Amino acid sequence: MKNTERENRIYNEIIVDCYDEEEQNMGWYYYLEENMLFPFKAEVNLKKRNGTKIKQAVDVLQLNSDEGFKNDLLIEVCYNEDIFDVPILTLLNIEANEKTIEAIEDWRYWNSKYF
């Protein structure tokens, strides 16, 4: 996708009429909530007790609260029946529908450009 298309979507749909960071955060939260189809599969790096990291497949269940995020939203994942939150930007090898992947890529683009 061309960055101009992505930027048009961001500025004309997601953060249109936003005057401050809090309003932008809310715009992003609602955009992601409306465009992500849950559950879907992905991988995350999990840190073992000895400090090494391993990639593990997880089920991505939902967005976490829209309150108080800074630079990344948290997303709820399930691994071995344990549910925990990870930043969206840490998701790897996402297996989801096209609209979900596009929304996550929009979020990654925004974060790489502005944070």
Protein backbone atom coordinates (compact mmCIF):
# COMPACT_ATOMS: atom_id res chain seq x y z
CA MET A 1 0.00 0.00 0.00
CA LYS A 2 1.21 3.47 -0.79
CA ASN A 3 2.01 5.60 2.24
CA THR A 4 -0.17 8.38 0.79
CA GLU A 5 -3.21 6.07 0.95
CA ARG A 6 -2.36 5.11 4.52
CA GLU A 7 -1.78 8.71 5.55
CA ASN A 8 -5.06 9.80 3.95
CA ARG A 9 -6.89 7.14 5.96
CA ILE A 10 -5.11 8.18 9.16
CA TYR A 11 -5.71 11.91 8.79
CA ASN A 12 -9.17 11.77 7.17
CA GLU A 13 -10.73 8.88 9.12
CA ILE A 14 -8.81 8.06 12.28
CA ILE A 15 -7.62 11.34 13.76
CA VAL A 16 -9.80 13.80 11.85
CA ASP A 17 -10.96 16.65 14.11
CA CYS A 18 -8.61 15.60 16.93
CA TYR A 19 -7.10 18.54 18.81
CA ASP A 20 -4.78 16.85 21.27
CA GLU A 21 -3.04 13.55 22.03
CA GLU A 22 -5.90 12.23 24.15
CA GLU A 23 -8.38 12.70 21.30
CA GLN A 24 -5.95 11.04 18.86
CA ASN A 25 -5.61 8.10 21.24
CA MET A 26 -9.38 7.73 21.38
CA GLY A 27 -9.59 7.95 17.57
CA TRP A 28 -7.02 5.18 17.24
CA TYR A 29 -8.70 3.02 19.86
CA TYR A 30 -12.08 3.18 18.14
CA TYR A 31 -10.57 2.68 14.69
CA LEU A 32 -8.76 -0.45 15.85
CA GLU A 33 -11.79 -1.72 17.77
CA GLU A 34 -14.01 -1.32 14.69
CA ASN A 35 -11.55 -2.82 12.20
CA MET A 36 -10.02 -5.75 14.07
CA LEU A 37 -11.86 -9.07 13.99
CA PHE A 38 -11.16 -11.14 17.11
CA PRO A 39 -9.98 -13.72 17.92
CA PHE A 40 -6.97 -14.21 15.68
CA LYS A 41 -3.59 -15.89 15.94
CA ALA A 42 -0.18 -14.30 16.27
CA GLU A 43 3.14 -14.87 17.95
CA VAL A 44 4.82 -12.95 20.75
CA ASN A 45 8.26 -13.14 22.28
CA LEU A 46 7.98 -14.50 25.80
CA LYS A 47 10.79 -14.06 28.27
CA LYS A 48 11.80 -17.19 30.16
CA ARG A 49 13.02 -17.06 33.74
CA ASN A 50 16.62 -17.42 32.59
CA GLY A 51 16.21 -14.27 30.46
CA THR A 52 16.06 -15.90 27.05
CA LYS A 53 13.19 -15.09 24.72
CA ILE A 54 11.14 -17.58 22.75
CA LYS A 55 8.41 -17.02 20.17
CA GLN A 56 5.11 -18.52 21.19
CA ALA A 57 1.82 -18.75 19.33
CA VAL A 58 -1.02 -16.98 21.10
CA ASP A 59 -4.69 -16.30 20.54
CA VAL A 60 -5.36 -12.57 20.39
CA LEU A 61 -8.65 -11.98 22.20
CA GLN A 62 -9.41 -8.25 22.33
CA LEU A 63 -8.15 -4.72 22.76
CA ASN A 64 -7.53 -3.73 26.32
CA SER A 65 -8.92 -0.58 27.89
CA ASP A 66 -8.79 2.63 25.89
CA GLU A 67 -7.65 4.59 28.92
CA GLY A 68 -4.16 5.77 29.63
CA PHE A 69 -2.07 4.29 26.84
CA LYS A 70 1.12 5.98 25.71
CA ASN A 71 2.69 5.10 22.36
CA ASP A 72 1.07 1.66 22.16
CA LEU A 73 -2.21 0.02 22.96
CA LEU A 74 -2.35 -3.19 24.92
CA ILE A 75 -4.03 -6.23 23.50
CA GLU A 76 -5.24 -9.25 25.45
CA VAL A 77 -3.73 -12.60 24.47
CA CYS A 78 -4.14 -16.17 25.66
CA TYR A 79 -1.24 -18.61 26.01
CA ASN A 80 -1.63 -21.98 27.75
CA GLU A 81 -4.93 -20.83 29.28
CA ASP A 82 -3.23 -17.78 30.81
CA ILE A 83 -4.50 -14.39 29.70
CA PHE A 84 -2.20 -11.38 29.72
CA ASP A 85 -1.69 -8.06 27.97
CA VAL A 86 0.98 -7.24 25.42
CA PRO A 87 1.54 -4.14 23.29
CA ILE A 88 0.08 -4.43 19.78
CA LEU A 89 3.48 -3.53 18.33
CA THR A 90 4.95 -6.75 19.75
CA LEU A 91 2.67 -9.05 17.74
CA LEU A 92 4.53 -11.14 15.16
CA ASN A 93 3.43 -13.40 12.29
CA ILE A 94 -0.18 -12.29 12.49
CA GLU A 95 -2.79 -14.64 11.04
CA ALA A 96 -5.91 -12.55 10.64
CA ASN A 97 -8.25 -11.18 8.02
CA GLU A 98 -7.08 -8.42 5.68
CA LYS A 99 -8.90 -5.63 7.51
CA THR A 100 -7.32 -6.59 10.85
CA ILE A 101 -3.84 -6.73 9.36
CA GLU A 102 -4.36 -3.38 7.62
CA ALA A 103 -5.47 -1.76 10.90
CA ILE A 104 -2.42 -3.12 12.74
CA GLU A 105 -0.13 -1.96 9.92
CA ASP A 106 -1.72 1.51 10.08
CA TRP A 107 -0.97 1.59 13.82
CA ARG A 108 2.62 0.44 13.23
CA TYR A 109 3.10 3.07 10.53
CA TRP A 110 1.78 5.82 12.81
CA ASN A 111 4.02 4.72 15.67
CA SER A 112 7.13 4.44 13.51
CA LYS A 113 6.56 7.89 12.09
CA TYR A 114 5.49 9.84 15.17
CA PHE A 115 6.96 8.11 18.22
